[in-house]
Structures are given as C-alpha cells and as structure tokens.
Amino acid sequence: MLRLQLIRKARGISQAELSRLTGIHRTLIARYEGGVTWPGARKLARLAAALGCSVDDLIGLDSGDEGRRKDNCRK
C-alpha cells in the first residue's frame, strides 16, 4: 500500500503543492492516494524526493525485508 497521503499530510503539504514540487498532476496524485493507480518508479522517486523520504519509506518497505511496514520516514 502506498503511504503517500499519510506522509504528505504529516508534512503539511497539499496535493496542489506536491504537484508543483514534483511536476505530477494533482489529479494523478489523488488517484495514487485513492489506490486507483500506482506510480511508476520515476514518479515514486520524484514523490519521495519532494517528501524527504526514501521510496522504501513511501511504499512501506524496509530495505531487504519482505513486506514489513516501517514508520521512520524523516520528518
């Protein structure tokens, strides 16, 4: 499960602001957050960079683990 909305809200960033920071349309960000579609690797990297976390943090994986959730995204 993509943790985009959780991390974005924890940072106090709106979908519109995240859109501006990443160049990803706000509607597409809403679709990611709603689970309608999943971002590709490049967009995941752009989202993670804008939010100050790793892609692993964004998708809830610890590097090398097999699906355990990790809640250590830098604040």
N, C-alpha and C. Protein backbone atom coordinates (compact mmCIF):
# COMPACT_ATOMS: atom_id res chain seq x y z
N MET A 1 0.84 -1.19 0.00
CA MET A 1 0.00 0.00 0.00
C MET A 1 0.88 1.25 0.00
N LEU A 2 0.58 2.15 -0.85
CA LEU A 2 1.31 3.40 -0.94
C LEU A 2 0.95 4.30 0.25
N ARG A 3 1.95 4.83 0.93
CA ARG A 3 1.75 5.66 2.11
C ARG A 3 1.81 7.15 1.76
N LEU A 4 1.56 7.48 0.53
CA LEU A 4 1.70 8.84 0.04
C LEU A 4 0.86 9.84 0.85
N GLN A 5 -0.41 9.57 1.02
CA GLN A 5 -1.29 10.52 1.71
C GLN A 5 -0.85 10.71 3.16
N LEU A 6 -0.53 9.63 3.84
CA LEU A 6 -0.09 9.70 5.23
C LEU A 6 1.14 10.59 5.38
N ILE A 7 2.14 10.37 4.55
CA ILE A 7 3.37 11.14 4.64
C ILE A 7 3.15 12.58 4.19
N ARG A 8 2.39 12.77 3.13
CA ARG A 8 2.11 14.12 2.64
C ARG A 8 1.42 14.96 3.71
N LYS A 9 0.41 14.39 4.35
CA LYS A 9 -0.32 15.13 5.39
C LYS A 9 0.55 15.38 6.62
N ALA A 10 1.41 14.43 6.95
CA ALA A 10 2.32 14.62 8.08
C ALA A 10 3.28 15.78 7.83
N ARG A 11 3.58 16.04 6.57
CA ARG A 11 4.46 17.15 6.19
C ARG A 11 3.70 18.47 6.05
N GLY A 12 2.38 18.42 6.09
CA GLY A 12 1.58 19.61 5.92
C GLY A 12 1.59 20.14 4.49
N ILE A 13 1.70 19.21 3.53
CA ILE A 13 1.76 19.58 2.12
C ILE A 13 0.44 19.20 1.45
N SER A 14 -0.13 20.12 0.69
CA SER A 14 -1.36 19.84 -0.05
C SER A 14 -1.03 19.05 -1.31
N GLN A 15 -2.06 18.46 -1.89
CA GLN A 15 -1.86 17.79 -3.17
C GLN A 15 -1.38 18.78 -4.23
N ALA A 16 -1.93 19.98 -4.20
CA ALA A 16 -1.52 21.00 -5.18
C ALA A 16 -0.05 21.37 -5.02
N GLU A 17 0.41 21.50 -3.79
CA GLU A 17 1.82 21.82 -3.55
C GLU A 17 2.71 20.66 -3.97
N LEU A 18 2.33 19.44 -3.65
CA LEU A 18 3.11 18.28 -4.06
C LEU A 18 3.16 18.20 -5.58
N SER A 19 2.07 18.53 -6.23
CA SER A 19 2.03 18.58 -7.68
C SER A 19 3.04 19.58 -8.22
N ARG A 20 3.08 20.75 -7.62
CA ARG A 20 4.02 21.79 -8.04
C ARG A 20 5.47 21.33 -7.83
N LEU A 21 5.73 20.67 -6.70
CA LEU A 21 7.09 20.22 -6.38
C LEU A 21 7.58 19.10 -7.29
N THR A 22 6.67 18.27 -7.74
CA THR A 22 7.05 17.07 -8.50
C THR A 22 6.80 17.16 -10.00
N GLY A 23 5.90 18.06 -10.40
CA GLY A 23 5.50 18.10 -11.80
C GLY A 23 4.49 17.02 -12.16
N ILE A 24 3.94 16.35 -11.15
CA ILE A 24 2.93 15.32 -11.35
C ILE A 24 1.56 15.98 -11.13
N HIS A 25 0.65 15.80 -12.06
CA HIS A 25 -0.66 16.46 -11.98
C HIS A 25 -1.36 16.10 -10.68
N ARG A 26 -2.04 17.08 -10.08
CA ARG A 26 -2.73 16.89 -8.80
C ARG A 26 -3.76 15.76 -8.88
N THR A 27 -4.46 15.66 -9.99
CA THR A 27 -5.45 14.59 -10.15
C THR A 27 -4.80 13.22 -10.10
N LEU A 28 -3.62 13.09 -10.67
CA LEU A 28 -2.91 11.82 -10.63
C LEU A 28 -2.45 11.50 -9.20
N ILE A 29 -2.01 12.52 -8.47
CA ILE A 29 -1.63 12.31 -7.05
C ILE A 29 -2.85 11.81 -6.28
N ALA A 30 -4.01 12.39 -6.52
CA ALA A 30 -5.24 11.94 -5.86
C ALA A 30 -5.55 10.49 -6.21
N ARG A 31 -5.31 10.11 -7.45
CA ARG A 31 -5.54 8.72 -7.87
C ARG A 31 -4.57 7.77 -7.18
N TYR A 32 -3.32 8.19 -7.02
CA TYR A 32 -2.35 7.37 -6.27
C TYR A 32 -2.83 7.19 -4.83
N GLU A 33 -3.22 8.29 -4.20
CA GLU A 33 -3.65 8.23 -2.80
C GLU A 33 -4.91 7.39 -2.63
N GLY A 34 -5.79 7.41 -3.62
CA GLY A 34 -7.01 6.63 -3.55
C GLY A 34 -6.85 5.17 -3.93
N GLY A 35 -5.65 4.80 -4.36
CA GLY A 35 -5.39 3.42 -4.74
C GLY A 35 -5.95 3.05 -6.11
N VAL A 36 -6.33 4.06 -6.89
CA VAL A 36 -6.88 3.81 -8.22
C VAL A 36 -5.80 3.35 -9.17
N THR A 37 -4.62 3.93 -9.03
CA THR A 37 -3.48 3.59 -9.87
C THR A 37 -2.21 3.67 -9.04
N TRP A 38 -1.13 3.14 -9.57
CA TRP A 38 0.14 3.07 -8.85
C TRP A 38 1.20 3.82 -9.65
N PRO A 39 2.01 4.67 -9.00
CA PRO A 39 3.05 5.39 -9.74
C PRO A 39 4.18 4.47 -10.19
N GLY A 40 4.75 4.79 -11.33
CA GLY A 40 5.94 4.07 -11.79
C GLY A 40 7.16 4.47 -10.99
N ALA A 41 8.26 3.83 -11.27
CA ALA A 41 9.49 4.04 -10.50
C ALA A 41 9.96 5.48 -10.52
N ARG A 42 9.94 6.12 -11.68
CA ARG A 42 10.42 7.51 -11.77
C ARG A 42 9.53 8.46 -10.97
N LYS A 43 8.23 8.25 -11.05
CA LYS A 43 7.33 9.12 -10.28
C LYS A 43 7.43 8.84 -8.79
N LEU A 44 7.61 7.58 -8.40
CA LEU A 44 7.84 7.27 -7.00
C LEU A 44 9.08 7.99 -6.48
N ALA A 45 10.13 8.00 -7.28
CA ALA A 45 11.37 8.68 -6.89
C ALA A 45 11.14 10.18 -6.73
N ARG A 46 10.39 10.79 -7.65
CA ARG A 46 10.10 12.22 -7.56
C ARG A 46 9.25 12.54 -6.33
N LEU A 47 8.26 11.70 -6.05
CA LEU A 47 7.43 11.90 -4.86
C LEU A 47 8.25 11.78 -3.58
N ALA A 48 9.07 10.74 -3.51
CA ALA A 48 9.90 10.54 -2.32
C ALA A 48 10.85 11.71 -2.11
N ALA A 49 11.48 12.19 -3.17
CA ALA A 49 12.40 13.32 -3.06
C ALA A 49 11.68 14.57 -2.55
N ALA A 50 10.50 14.83 -3.08
CA ALA A 50 9.74 16.01 -2.67
C ALA A 50 9.29 15.92 -1.22
N LEU A 51 9.04 14.70 -0.74
CA LEU A 51 8.58 14.50 0.63
C LEU A 51 9.72 14.27 1.62
N GLY A 52 10.95 14.17 1.12
CA GLY A 52 12.10 13.98 2.00
C GLY A 52 12.17 12.60 2.61
N CYS A 53 11.75 11.59 1.85
CA CYS A 53 11.84 10.22 2.36
C CYS A 53 12.31 9.32 1.22
N SER A 54 12.58 8.08 1.54
CA SER A 54 13.00 7.13 0.50
C SER A 54 11.78 6.51 -0.16
N VAL A 55 11.99 5.92 -1.30
CA VAL A 55 10.91 5.17 -1.96
C VAL A 55 10.46 4.03 -1.05
N ASP A 56 11.40 3.36 -0.39
CA ASP A 56 11.04 2.28 0.54
C ASP A 56 10.12 2.80 1.64
N ASP A 57 10.42 3.98 2.19
CA ASP A 57 9.55 4.57 3.20
C ASP A 57 8.18 4.86 2.61
N LEU A 58 8.15 5.38 1.41
CA LEU A 58 6.90 5.75 0.76
C LEU A 58 6.01 4.55 0.52
N ILE A 59 6.59 3.42 0.17
CA ILE A 59 5.77 2.23 -0.07
C ILE A 59 5.69 1.32 1.15
N GLY A 60 6.34 1.71 2.25
CA GLY A 60 6.21 0.96 3.50
C GLY A 60 7.11 -0.24 3.62
N LEU A 61 8.23 -0.26 2.91
CA LEU A 61 9.15 -1.39 2.99
C LEU A 61 10.48 -0.98 3.59
N ASP A 62 11.04 -1.86 4.37
CA ASP A 62 12.39 -1.71 4.88
C ASP A 62 13.31 -2.34 3.85
N SER A 63 14.46 -1.74 3.56
CA SER A 63 15.34 -2.32 2.55
C SER A 63 15.70 -3.75 2.93
N GLY A 64 15.48 -4.66 1.99
CA GLY A 64 15.82 -6.05 2.21
C GLY A 64 14.77 -6.85 2.95
N ASP A 65 13.71 -6.20 3.42
CA ASP A 65 12.72 -7.01 4.13
C ASP A 65 11.65 -7.50 3.16
N GLU A 66 10.77 -8.30 3.66
CA GLU A 66 9.81 -8.96 2.78
C GLU A 66 8.39 -8.45 3.01
N GLY A 67 8.25 -7.13 3.20
CA GLY A 67 6.93 -6.57 3.29
C GLY A 67 6.54 -5.98 4.62
N ARG A 68 7.44 -6.01 5.59
CA ARG A 68 7.10 -5.39 6.88
C ARG A 68 6.98 -3.89 6.71
N ARG A 69 6.08 -3.29 7.43
CA ARG A 69 5.91 -1.84 7.38
C ARG A 69 6.98 -1.18 8.23
N LYS A 70 7.39 0.01 7.81
CA LYS A 70 8.40 0.77 8.51
C LYS A 70 7.93 2.21 8.61
N ASP A 71 7.95 2.77 9.81
CA ASP A 71 7.46 4.13 10.01
C ASP A 71 8.59 5.05 10.45
N ASN A 72 9.63 5.16 9.66
CA ASN A 72 10.75 6.00 10.05
C ASN A 72 11.05 7.06 9.00
N CYS A 73 10.07 7.43 8.21
CA CYS A 73 10.29 8.47 7.19
C CYS A 73 10.72 9.74 7.91
N ARG A 74 11.79 10.34 7.42
CA ARG A 74 12.31 11.54 8.07
C ARG A 74 11.24 12.63 8.11
N LYS A 75 11.17 13.31 9.23
CA LYS A 75 10.17 14.38 9.40
C LYS A 75 10.80 15.73 9.27
